[in-house]
Amino acid sequence: MAPPARRGEVRRKDPLKALAVALKGLQADDEGTASIYIELTEQGLGRTPAADLWRHLIAVDLSVFQSQTAQALRAEGLSEGLSEALLVVLSGRGVDISEQSE
């Protein structure tokens, strides 16, 4: 049995991991091109277990950003999402909400 791969090291048997590592490296220099290849890869994988693995490999962990600005942006996004969800529920139940109240 081969020893485990070190961080950043890719084995030939893990083509999705190799591609994810390469595209994450490309993002630093050319985010647009990397984003296109990331999207095309996910679309090509369809609804297979490999697609779930791909999404896991390519996901970005933003939890390391703990500044007050980052926390405020997360809170703002959560607040907006909850507000939109509430409006959808109320609308679905036939409650009319004026645009001004929204």
PDB file of N, CA and C in Angstrom:
ATOM      1  N   MET A   1       0.845  -1.173   0.000  1.00  0.00           N
ATOM      2  CA  MET A   1       0.000   0.000   0.000  1.00  0.00           C
ATOM      3  C   MET A   1       0.896   1.243   0.000  1.00  0.00           C
ATOM      4  N   ALA A   2       0.549   2.221  -0.833  1.00  0.00           N
ATOM      5  CA  ALA A   2       1.351   3.443  -0.956  1.00  0.00           C
ATOM      6  C   ALA A   2       1.118   4.341   0.247  1.00  0.00           C
ATOM      7  N   PRO A   3       2.132   5.106   0.633  1.00  0.00           N
ATOM      8  CA  PRO A   3       1.943   6.044   1.745  1.00  0.00           C
ATOM      9  C   PRO A   3       0.937   7.123   1.353  1.00  0.00           C
ATOM     10  N   PRO A   4       0.281   7.734   2.334  1.00  0.00           N
ATOM     11  CA  PRO A   4      -0.721   8.759   2.018  1.00  0.00           C
ATOM     12  C   PRO A   4      -0.064   9.971   1.343  1.00  0.00           C
ATOM     13  N   ALA A   5      -0.830  10.628   0.491  1.00  0.00           N
ATOM     14  CA  ALA A   5      -0.324  11.818  -0.195  1.00  0.00           C
ATOM     15  C   ALA A   5      -0.180  12.970   0.793  1.00  0.00           C
ATOM     16  N   ARG A   6       0.889  13.727   0.606  1.00  0.00           N
ATOM     17  CA  ARG A   6       1.060  14.924   1.433  1.00  0.00           C
ATOM     18  C   ARG A   6       0.189  16.032   0.881  1.00  0.00           C
ATOM     19  N   ARG A   7      -0.075  17.043   1.717  1.00  0.00           N
ATOM     20  CA  ARG A   7      -0.914  18.173   1.307  1.00  0.00           C
ATOM     21  C   ARG A   7      -0.364  18.764   0.006  1.00  0.00           C
ATOM     22  N   GLY A   8      -1.230  18.957  -0.972  1.00  0.00           N
ATOM     23  CA  GLY A   8      -0.821  19.507  -2.242  1.00  0.00           C
ATOM     24  C   GLY A   8      -0.299  18.465  -3.223  1.00  0.00           C
ATOM     25  N   GLU A   9       0.001  17.269  -2.736  1.00  0.00           N
ATOM     26  CA  GLU A   9       0.505  16.194  -3.590  1.00  0.00           C
ATOM     27  C   GLU A   9      -0.687  15.421  -4.150  1.00  0.00           C
ATOM     28  N   VAL A  10      -0.601  15.071  -5.381  1.00  0.00           N
ATOM     29  CA  VAL A  10      -1.715  14.394  -6.044  1.00  0.00           C
ATOM     30  C   VAL A  10      -1.243  13.059  -6.594  1.00  0.00           C
ATOM     31  N   ARG A  11      -2.053  12.046  -6.436  1.00  0.00           N
ATOM     32  CA  ARG A  11      -1.742  10.726  -6.968  1.00  0.00           C
ATOM     33  C   ARG A  11      -2.368  10.582  -8.351  1.00  0.00           C
ATOM     34  N   ARG A  12      -1.768   9.759  -9.179  1.00  0.00           N
ATOM     35  CA  ARG A  12      -2.294   9.556 -10.522  1.00  0.00           C
ATOM     36  C   ARG A  12      -3.678   8.926 -10.498  1.00  0.00           C
ATOM     37  N   LYS A  13      -4.034   8.250  -9.429  1.00  0.00           N
ATOM     38  CA  LYS A  13      -5.331   7.583  -9.349  1.00  0.00           C
ATOM     39  C   LYS A  13      -6.462   8.538  -8.986  1.00  0.00           C
ATOM     40  N   ASP A  14      -6.136   9.804  -8.715  1.00  0.00           N
ATOM     41  CA  ASP A  14      -7.137  10.782  -8.302  1.00  0.00           C
ATOM     42  C   ASP A  14      -7.245  11.907  -9.333  1.00  0.00           C
ATOM     43  N   PRO A  15      -7.785  11.619 -10.519  1.00  0.00           N
ATOM     44  CA  PRO A  15      -7.804  12.658 -11.559  1.00  0.00           C
ATOM     45  C   PRO A  15      -8.646  13.867 -11.181  1.00  0.00           C
ATOM     46  N   LEU A  16      -9.752  13.678 -10.472  1.00  0.00           N
ATOM     47  CA  LEU A  16     -10.549  14.832 -10.066  1.00  0.00           C
ATOM     48  C   LEU A  16      -9.790  15.704  -9.081  1.00  0.00           C
ATOM     49  N   LYS A  17      -9.074  15.050  -8.154  1.00  0.00           N
ATOM     50  CA  LYS A  17      -8.286  15.824  -7.202  1.00  0.00           C
ATOM     51  C   LYS A  17      -7.178  16.577  -7.923  1.00  0.00           C
ATOM     52  N   ALA A  18      -6.553  15.929  -8.884  1.00  0.00           N
ATOM     53  CA  ALA A  18      -5.487  16.575  -9.643  1.00  0.00           C
ATOM     54  C   ALA A  18      -6.021  17.798 -10.383  1.00  0.00           C
ATOM     55  N   LEU A  19      -7.181  17.649 -10.996  1.00  0.00           N
ATOM     56  CA  LEU A  19      -7.782  18.763 -11.720  1.00  0.00           C
ATOM     57  C   LEU A  19      -8.175  19.886 -10.766  1.00  0.00           C
ATOM     58  N   ALA A  20      -8.740  19.538  -9.616  1.00  0.00           N
ATOM     59  CA  ALA A  20      -9.132  20.550  -8.630  1.00  0.00           C
ATOM     60  C   ALA A  20      -7.915  21.333  -8.146  1.00  0.00           C
ATOM     61  N   VAL A  21      -6.836  20.629  -7.852  1.00  0.00           N
ATOM     62  CA  VAL A  21      -5.609  21.295  -7.397  1.00  0.00           C
ATOM     63  C   VAL A  21      -5.089  22.228  -8.487  1.00  0.00           C
ATOM     64  N   ALA A  22      -5.077  21.757  -9.721  1.00  0.00           N
ATOM     65  CA  ALA A  22      -4.581  22.573 -10.831  1.00  0.00           C
ATOM     66  C   ALA A  22      -5.436  23.820 -11.033  1.00  0.00           C
ATOM     67  N   LEU A  23      -6.745  23.648 -10.976  1.00  0.00           N
ATOM     68  CA  LEU A  23      -7.632  24.795 -11.204  1.00  0.00           C
ATOM     69  C   LEU A  23      -7.602  25.782 -10.047  1.00  0.00           C
ATOM     70  N   LYS A  24      -7.446  25.284  -8.833  1.00  0.00           N
ATOM     71  CA  LYS A  24      -7.314  26.209  -7.703  1.00  0.00           C
ATOM     72  C   LYS A  24      -6.025  27.019  -7.843  1.00  0.00           C
ATOM     73  N   GLY A  25      -4.970  26.389  -8.340  1.00  0.00           N
ATOM     74  CA  GLY A  25      -3.729  27.119  -8.592  1.00  0.00           C
ATOM     75  C   GLY A  25      -3.902  28.154  -9.691  1.00  0.00           C
ATOM     76  N   LEU A  26      -4.648  27.789 -10.731  1.00  0.00           N
ATOM     77  CA  LEU A  26      -4.898  28.706 -11.841  1.00  0.00           C
ATOM     78  C   LEU A  26      -5.730  29.909 -11.400  1.00  0.00           C
ATOM     79  N   GLN A  27      -6.621  29.709 -10.443  1.00  0.00           N
ATOM     80  CA  GLN A  27      -7.485  30.802  -9.989  1.00  0.00           C
ATOM     81  C   GLN A  27      -6.683  32.011  -9.521  1.00  0.00           C
ATOM     82  N   ALA A  28      -5.519  31.786  -8.941  1.00  0.00           N
ATOM     83  CA  ALA A  28      -4.706  32.896  -8.447  1.00  0.00           C
ATOM     84  C   ALA A  28      -4.248  33.782  -9.600  1.00  0.00           C
ATOM     85  N   ASP A  29      -4.025  33.197 -10.783  1.00  0.00           N
ATOM     86  CA  ASP A  29      -3.531  33.954 -11.933  1.00  0.00           C
ATOM     87  C   ASP A  29      -4.624  34.340 -12.922  1.00  0.00           C
ATOM     88  N   ASP A  30      -5.609  33.467 -13.078  1.00  0.00           N
ATOM     89  CA  ASP A  30      -6.637  33.677 -14.100  1.00  0.00           C
ATOM     90  C   ASP A  30      -7.968  33.100 -13.608  1.00  0.00           C
ATOM     91  N   GLU A  31      -8.616  33.858 -12.760  1.00  0.00           N
ATOM     92  CA  GLU A  31      -9.840  33.363 -12.120  1.00  0.00           C
ATOM     93  C   GLU A  31     -10.941  33.063 -13.135  1.00  0.00           C
ATOM     94  N   GLY A  32     -11.042  33.879 -14.178  1.00  0.00           N
ATOM     95  CA  GLY A  32     -12.094  33.677 -15.177  1.00  0.00           C
ATOM     96  C   GLY A  32     -11.973  32.343 -15.884  1.00  0.00           C
ATOM     97  N   THR A  33     -10.773  32.028 -16.352  1.00  0.00           N
ATOM     98  CA  THR A  33     -10.554  30.765 -17.053  1.00  0.00           C
ATOM     99  C   THR A  33     -10.769  29.582 -16.113  1.00  0.00           C
ATOM    100  N   ALA A  34     -10.236  29.685 -14.901  1.00  0.00           N
ATOM    101  CA  ALA A  34     -10.407  28.599 -13.932  1.00  0.00           C
ATOM    102  C   ALA A  34     -11.888  28.364 -13.652  1.00  0.00           C
ATOM    103  N   SER A  35     -12.645  29.449 -13.490  1.00  0.00           N
ATOM    104  CA  SER A  35     -14.080  29.325 -13.201  1.00  0.00           C
ATOM    105  C   SER A  35     -14.822  28.617 -14.325  1.00  0.00           C
ATOM    106  N   ILE A  36     -14.437  28.909 -15.556  1.00  0.00           N
ATOM    107  CA  ILE A  36     -15.077  28.248 -16.703  1.00  0.00           C
ATOM    108  C   ILE A  36     -14.826  26.747 -16.662  1.00  0.00           C
ATOM    109  N   TYR A  37     -13.574  26.347 -16.447  1.00  0.00           N
ATOM    110  CA  TYR A  37     -13.244  24.919 -16.405  1.00  0.00           C
ATOM    111  C   TYR A  37     -13.894  24.226 -15.209  1.00  0.00           C
ATOM    112  N   ILE A  38     -13.977  24.921 -14.082  1.00  0.00           N
ATOM    113  CA  ILE A  38     -14.649  24.352 -12.904  1.00  0.00           C
ATOM    114  C   ILE A  38     -16.113  24.086 -13.222  1.00  0.00           C
ATOM    115  N   GLU A  39     -16.762  25.054 -13.839  1.00  0.00           N
ATOM    116  CA  GLU A  39     -18.180  24.920 -14.195  1.00  0.00           C
ATOM    117  C   GLU A  39     -18.391  23.812 -15.222  1.00  0.00           C
ATOM    118  N   LEU A  40     -17.576  23.801 -16.266  1.00  0.00           N
ATOM    119  CA  LEU A  40     -17.724  22.777 -17.306  1.00  0.00           C
ATOM    120  C   LEU A  40     -17.498  21.374 -16.748  1.00  0.00           C
ATOM    121  N   THR A  41     -16.543  21.245 -15.850  1.00  0.00           N
ATOM    122  CA  THR A  41     -16.285  19.931 -15.238  1.00  0.00           C
ATOM    123  C   THR A  41     -17.497  19.471 -14.444  1.00  0.00           C
ATOM    124  N   GLU A  42     -18.055  20.380 -13.643  1.00  0.00           N
ATOM    125  CA  GLU A  42     -19.229  19.999 -12.843  1.00  0.00           C
ATOM    126  C   GLU A  42     -20.405  19.615 -13.738  1.00  0.00           C
ATOM    127  N   GLN A  43     -20.632  20.390 -14.795  1.00  0.00           N
ATOM    128  CA  GLN A  43     -21.727  20.061 -15.713  1.00  0.00           C
ATOM    129  C   GLN A  43     -21.499  18.709 -16.377  1.00  0.00           C
ATOM    130  N   GLY A  44     -20.265  18.445 -16.754  1.00  0.00           N
ATOM    131  CA  GLY A  44     -19.945  17.178 -17.405  1.00  0.00           C
ATOM    132  C   GLY A  44     -20.127  15.971 -16.503  1.00  0.00           C
ATOM    133  N   LEU A  45     -19.934  16.167 -15.204  1.00  0.00           N
ATOM    134  CA  LEU A  45     -20.091  15.063 -14.259  1.00  0.00           C
ATOM    135  C   LEU A  45     -21.557  14.758 -13.962  1.00  0.00           C
ATOM    136  N   GLY A  46     -22.428  15.696 -14.301  1.00  0.00           N
ATOM    137  CA  GLY A  46     -23.867  15.470 -14.131  1.00  0.00           C
ATOM    138  C   GLY A  46     -24.254  15.202 -12.695  1.00  0.00           C
ATOM    139  N   ARG A  47     -25.084  14.188 -12.521  1.00  0.00           N
ATOM    140  CA  ARG A  47     -25.593  13.838 -11.183  1.00  0.00           C
ATOM    141  C   ARG A  47     -24.968  12.542 -10.683  1.00  0.00           C
ATOM    142  N   THR A  48     -23.716  12.394 -10.920  1.00  0.00           N
ATOM    143  CA  THR A  48     -23.005  11.183 -10.510  1.00  0.00           C
ATOM    144  C   THR A  48     -22.357  11.388  -9.140  1.00  0.00           C
ATOM    145  N   PRO A  49     -21.967  10.308  -8.488  1.00  0.00           N
ATOM    146  CA  PRO A  49     -21.218  10.459  -7.232  1.00  0.00           C
ATOM    147  C   PRO A  49     -19.935  11.271  -7.423  1.00  0.00           C
ATOM    148  N   ALA A  50     -19.365  11.186  -8.620  1.00  0.00           N
ATOM    149  CA  ALA A  50     -18.159  11.966  -8.903  1.00  0.00           C
ATOM    150  C   ALA A  50     -18.453  13.468  -8.843  1.00  0.00           C
ATOM    151  N   ALA A  51     -19.665  13.873  -9.209  1.00  0.00           N
ATOM    152  CA  ALA A  51     -20.035  15.290  -9.138  1.00  0.00           C
ATOM    153  C   ALA A  51     -20.046  15.767  -7.687  1.00  0.00           C
ATOM    154  N   ASP A  52     -20.539  14.923  -6.791  1.00  0.00           N
ATOM    155  CA  ASP A  52     -20.523  15.276  -5.373  1.00  0.00           C
ATOM    156  C   ASP A  52     -19.089  15.410  -4.869  1.00  0.00           C
ATOM    157  N   LEU A  53     -18.231  14.500  -5.283  1.00  0.00           N
ATOM    158  CA  LEU A  53     -16.823  14.570  -4.914  1.00  0.00           C
ATOM    159  C   LEU A  53     -16.200  15.850  -5.468  1.00  0.00           C
ATOM    160  N   TRP A  54     -16.514  16.187  -6.717  1.00  0.00           N
ATOM    161  CA  TRP A  54     -15.976  17.386  -7.350  1.00  0.00           C
ATOM    162  C   TRP A  54     -16.373  18.642  -6.566  1.00  0.00           C
ATOM    163  N   ARG A  55     -17.649  18.744  -6.208  1.00  0.00           N
ATOM    164  CA  ARG A  55     -18.115  19.917  -5.450  1.00  0.00           C
ATOM    165  C   ARG A  55     -17.392  20.016  -4.115  1.00  0.00           C
ATOM    166  N   HIS A  56     -17.144  18.883  -3.496  1.00  0.00           N
ATOM    167  CA  HIS A  56     -16.411  18.866  -2.231  1.00  0.00           C
ATOM    168  C   HIS A  56     -14.964  19.316  -2.441  1.00  0.00           C
ATOM    169  N   LEU A  57     -14.331  18.840  -3.500  1.00  0.00           N
ATOM    170  CA  LEU A  57     -12.934  19.178  -3.757  1.00  0.00           C
ATOM    171  C   LEU A  57     -12.745  20.650  -4.098  1.00  0.00           C
ATOM    172  N   ILE A  58     -13.699  21.219  -4.803  1.00  0.00           N
ATOM    173  CA  ILE A  58     -13.531  22.569  -5.319  1.00  0.00           C
ATOM    174  C   ILE A  58     -14.105  23.631  -4.374  1.00  0.00           C
ATOM    175  N   ALA A  59     -14.830  23.195  -3.361  1.00  0.00           N
ATOM    176  CA  ALA A  59     -15.436  24.146  -2.424  1.00  0.00           C
ATOM    177  C   ALA A  59     -14.365  25.000  -1.756  1.00  0.00           C
ATOM    178  N   VAL A  60     -14.718  26.252  -1.528  1.00  0.00           N
ATOM    179  CA  VAL A  60     -13.808  27.187  -0.876  1.00  0.00           C
ATOM    180  C   VAL A  60     -14.270  27.385   0.564  1.00  0.00           C
ATOM    181  N   ASP A  61     -13.350  27.205   1.476  1.00  0.00           N
ATOM    182  CA  ASP A  61     -13.664  27.404   2.890  1.00  0.00           C
ATOM    183  C   ASP A  61     -13.377  28.850   3.261  1.00  0.00           C
ATOM    184  N   LEU A  62     -14.429  29.630   3.441  1.00  0.00           N
ATOM    185  CA  LEU A  62     -14.270  31.043   3.774  1.00  0.00           C
ATOM    186  C   LEU A  62     -14.359  31.298   5.271  1.00  0.00           C
ATOM    187  N   SER A  63     -14.492  30.230   6.060  1.00  0.00           N
ATOM    188  CA  SER A  63     -14.640  30.414   7.500  1.00  0.00           C
ATOM    189  C   SER A  63     -13.375  30.944   8.153  1.00  0.00           C
ATOM    190  N   VAL A  64     -12.249  30.931   7.435  1.00  0.00           N
ATOM    191  CA  VAL A  64     -11.009  31.448   8.003  1.00  0.00           C
ATOM    192  C   VAL A  64     -11.035  32.963   8.110  1.00  0.00           C
ATOM    193  N   PHE A  65     -11.917  33.619   7.366  1.00  0.00           N
ATOM    194  CA  PHE A  65     -12.013  35.064   7.427  1.00  0.00           C
ATOM    195  C   PHE A  65     -12.867  35.459   8.622  1.00  0.00           C
ATOM    196  N   GLN A  66     -12.230  35.975   9.651  1.00  0.00           N
ATOM    197  CA  GLN A  66     -12.928  36.262  10.901  1.00  0.00           C
ATOM    198  C   GLN A  66     -12.970  37.755  11.235  1.00  0.00           C
ATOM    199  N   SER A  67     -12.568  38.628  10.301  1.00  0.00           N
ATOM    200  CA  SER A  67     -12.572  40.061  10.588  1.00  0.00           C
ATOM    201  C   SER A  67     -14.002  40.542  10.813  1.00  0.00           C
ATOM    202  N   GLN A  68     -14.120  41.725  11.370  1.00  0.00           N
ATOM    203  CA  GLN A  68     -15.450  42.289  11.607  1.00  0.00           C
ATOM    204  C   GLN A  68     -16.191  42.484  10.292  1.00  0.00           C
ATOM    205  N   THR A  69     -15.470  42.866   9.253  1.00  0.00           N
ATOM    206  CA  THR A  69     -16.093  43.053   7.941  1.00  0.00           C
ATOM    207  C   THR A  69     -16.634  41.724   7.419  1.00  0.00           C
ATOM    208  N   ALA A  70     -15.831  40.665   7.502  1.00  0.00           N
ATOM    209  CA  ALA A  70     -16.271  39.350   7.024  1.00  0.00           C
ATOM    210  C   ALA A  70     -17.492  38.871   7.807  1.00  0.00           C
ATOM    211  N   GLN A  71     -17.467  39.051   9.113  1.00  0.00           N
ATOM    212  CA  GLN A  71     -18.594  38.636   9.932  1.00  0.00           C
ATOM    213  C   GLN A  71     -19.837  39.447   9.589  1.00  0.00           C
ATOM    214  N   ALA A  72     -19.674  40.746   9.352  1.00  0.00           N
ATOM    215  CA  ALA A  72     -20.809  41.598   8.996  1.00  0.00           C
ATOM    216  C   ALA A  72     -21.396  41.193   7.648  1.00  0.00           C
ATOM    217  N   LEU A  73     -20.530  40.863   6.692  1.00  0.00           N
ATOM    218  CA  LEU A  73     -21.009  40.437   5.383  1.00  0.00           C
ATOM    219  C   LEU A  73     -21.776  39.120   5.467  1.00  0.00           C
ATOM    220  N   ARG A  74     -21.273  38.183   6.276  1.00  0.00           N
ATOM    221  CA  ARG A  74     -21.994  36.913   6.460  1.00  0.00           C
ATOM    222  C   ARG A  74     -23.350  37.157   7.106  1.00  0.00           C
ATOM    223  N   ALA A  75     -23.381  38.010   8.117  1.00  0.00           N
ATOM    224  CA  ALA A  75     -24.638  38.305   8.809  1.00  0.00           C
ATOM    225  C   ALA A  75     -25.621  38.987   7.861  1.00  0.00           C
ATOM    226  N   GLU A  76     -25.111  39.895   7.043  1.00  0.00           N
ATOM    227  CA  GLU A  76     -25.972  40.587   6.079  1.00  0.00           C
ATOM    228  C   GLU A  76     -26.548  39.611   5.071  1.00  0.00           C
ATOM    229  N   GLY A  77     -25.716  38.708   4.574  1.00  0.00           N
ATOM    230  CA  GLY A  77     -26.190  37.699   3.622  1.00  0.00           C
ATOM    231  C   GLY A  77     -27.235  36.789   4.237  1.00  0.00           C
ATOM    232  N   LEU A  78     -27.006  36.384   5.483  1.00  0.00           N
ATOM    233  CA  LEU A  78     -27.967  35.533   6.182  1.00  0.00           C
ATOM    234  C   LEU A  78     -29.282  36.266   6.381  1.00  0.00           C
ATOM    235  N   SER A  79     -29.196  37.528   6.781  1.00  0.00           N
ATOM    236  CA  SER A  79     -30.390  38.334   7.011  1.00  0.00           C
ATOM    237  C   SER A  79     -31.197  38.492   5.729  1.00  0.00           C
ATOM    238  N   GLU A  80     -30.510  38.797   4.627  1.00  0.00           N
ATOM    239  CA  GLU A  80     -31.210  38.946   3.352  1.00  0.00           C
ATOM    240  C   GLU A  80     -31.857  37.631   2.927  1.00  0.00           C
ATOM    241  N   GLY A  81     -31.150  36.529   3.108  1.00  0.00           N
ATOM    242  CA  GLY A  81     -31.703  35.226   2.736  1.00  0.00           C
ATOM    243  C   GLY A  81     -32.935  34.875   3.548  1.00  0.00           C
ATOM    244  N   LEU A  82     -32.886  35.150   4.842  1.00  0.00           N
ATOM    245  CA  LEU A  82     -34.037  34.871   5.702  1.00  0.00           C
ATOM    246  C   LEU A  82     -35.212  35.760   5.340  1.00  0.00           C
ATOM    247  N   SER A  83     -34.937  37.021   5.017  1.00  0.00           N
ATOM    248  CA  SER A  83     -36.010  37.946   4.629  1.00  0.00           C
ATOM    249  C   SER A  83     -36.697  37.469   3.356  1.00  0.00           C
ATOM    250  N   GLU A  84     -35.888  37.058   2.375  1.00  0.00           N
ATOM    251  CA  GLU A  84     -36.462  36.562   1.128  1.00  0.00           C
ATOM    252  C   GLU A  84     -37.275  35.294   1.363  1.00  0.00           C
ATOM    253  N   ALA A  85     -36.784  34.415   2.204  1.00  0.00           N
ATOM    254  CA  ALA A  85     -37.509  33.178   2.509  1.00  0.00           C
ATOM    255  C   ALA A  85     -38.840  33.483   3.181  1.00  0.00           C
ATOM    256  N   LEU A  86     -38.839  34.445   4.089  1.00  0.00           N
ATOM    257  CA  LEU A  86     -40.073  34.835   4.781  1.00  0.00           C
ATOM    258  C   LEU A  86     -41.090  35.388   3.792  1.00  0.00           C
ATOM    259  N   LEU A  87     -40.630  36.216   2.852  1.00  0.00           N
ATOM    260  CA  LEU A  87     -41.531  36.765   1.842  1.00  0.00           C
ATOM    261  C   LEU A  87     -42.127  35.666   0.969  1.00  0.00           C
ATOM    262  N   VAL A  88     -41.348  34.669   0.635  1.00  0.00           N
ATOM    263  CA  VAL A  88     -41.847  33.545  -0.170  1.00  0.00           C
ATOM    264  C   VAL A  88     -42.920  32.776   0.600  1.00  0.00           C
ATOM    265  N   VAL A  89     -42.658  32.526   1.885  1.00  0.00           N
ATOM    266  CA  VAL A  89     -43.636  31.793   2.709  1.00  0.00           C
ATOM    267  C   VAL A  89     -44.923  32.589   2.840  1.00  0.00           C
ATOM    268  N   LEU A  90     -44.806  33.876   3.136  1.00  0.00           N
ATOM    269  CA  LEU A  90     -46.002  34.704   3.292  1.00  0.00           C
ATOM    270  C   LEU A  90     -46.781  34.795   1.986  1.00  0.00           C
ATOM    271  N   SER A  91     -46.079  34.948   0.885  1.00  0.00           N
ATOM    272  CA  SER A  91     -46.731  35.006  -0.416  1.00  0.00           C
ATOM    273  C   SER A  91     -47.446  33.684  -0.710  1.00  0.00           C
ATOM    274  N   GLY A  92     -46.797  32.582  -0.386  1.00  0.00           N
ATOM    275  CA  GLY A  92     -47.394  31.268  -0.598  1.00  0.00           C
ATOM    276  C   GLY A  92     -48.643  31.050   0.228  1.00  0.00           C
ATOM    277  N   ARG A  93     -48.731  31.746   1.330  1.00  0.00           N
ATOM    278  CA  ARG A  93     -49.924  31.640   2.196  1.00  0.00           C
ATOM    279  C   ARG A  93     -50.962  32.714   1.886  1.00  0.00           C
ATOM    280  N   GLY A  94     -50.712  33.484   0.813  1.00  0.00           N
ATOM    281  CA  GLY A  94     -51.699  34.458   0.369  1.00  0.00           C
ATOM    282  C   GLY A  94     -51.634  35.792   1.105  1.00  0.00           C
ATOM    283  N   VAL A  95     -50.577  36.057   1.831  1.00  0.00           N
ATOM    284  CA  VAL A  95     -50.437  37.331   2.535  1.00  0.00           C
ATOM    285  C   VAL A  95     -49.813  38.337   1.586  1.00  0.00           C
ATOM    286  N   ASP A  96     -50.525  39.443   1.356  1.00  0.00           N
ATOM    287  CA  ASP A  96     -50.013  40.482   0.461  1.00  0.00           C
ATOM    288  C   ASP A  96     -49.074  41.397   1.237  1.00  0.00           C
ATOM    289  N   ILE A  97     -47.896  41.615   0.671  1.00  0.00           N
ATOM    290  CA  ILE A  97     -46.898  42.499   1.256  1.00  0.00           C
ATOM    291  C   ILE A  97     -46.635  43.613   0.258  1.00  0.00           C
ATOM    292  N   SER A  98     -46.763  44.864   0.703  1.00  0.00           N
ATOM    293  CA  SER A  98     -46.503  45.985  -0.210  1.00  0.00           C
ATOM    294  C   SER A  98     -45.022  46.057  -0.514  1.00  0.00           C
ATOM    295  N   GLU A  99     -44.708  46.654  -1.666  1.00  0.00           N
ATOM    296  CA  GLU A  99     -43.303  46.785  -2.052  1.00  0.00           C
ATOM    297  C   GLU A  99     -42.559  47.642  -1.029  1.00  0.00           C
ATOM    298  N   GLN A 100     -43.225  48.624  -0.466  1.00  0.00           N
ATOM    299  CA  GLN A 100     -42.594  49.495   0.520  1.00  0.00           C
ATOM    300  C   GLN A 100     -42.241  48.698   1.777  1.00  0.00           C
ATOM    301  N   SER A 101     -43.082  47.754   2.168  1.00  0.00           N
ATOM    302  CA  SER A 101     -42.828  46.945   3.358  1.00  0.00           C
ATOM    303  C   SER A 101     -41.701  45.951   3.145  1.00  0.00           C
ATOM    304  N   GLU A 102     -41.553  45.514   1.894  1.00  0.00           N
ATOM    305  CA  GLU A 102     -40.497  44.558   1.598  1.00  0.00           C
ATOM    306  C   GLU A 102     -39.158  45.161   1.937  1.00  0.00           C
TER     307      GLU A 102
END
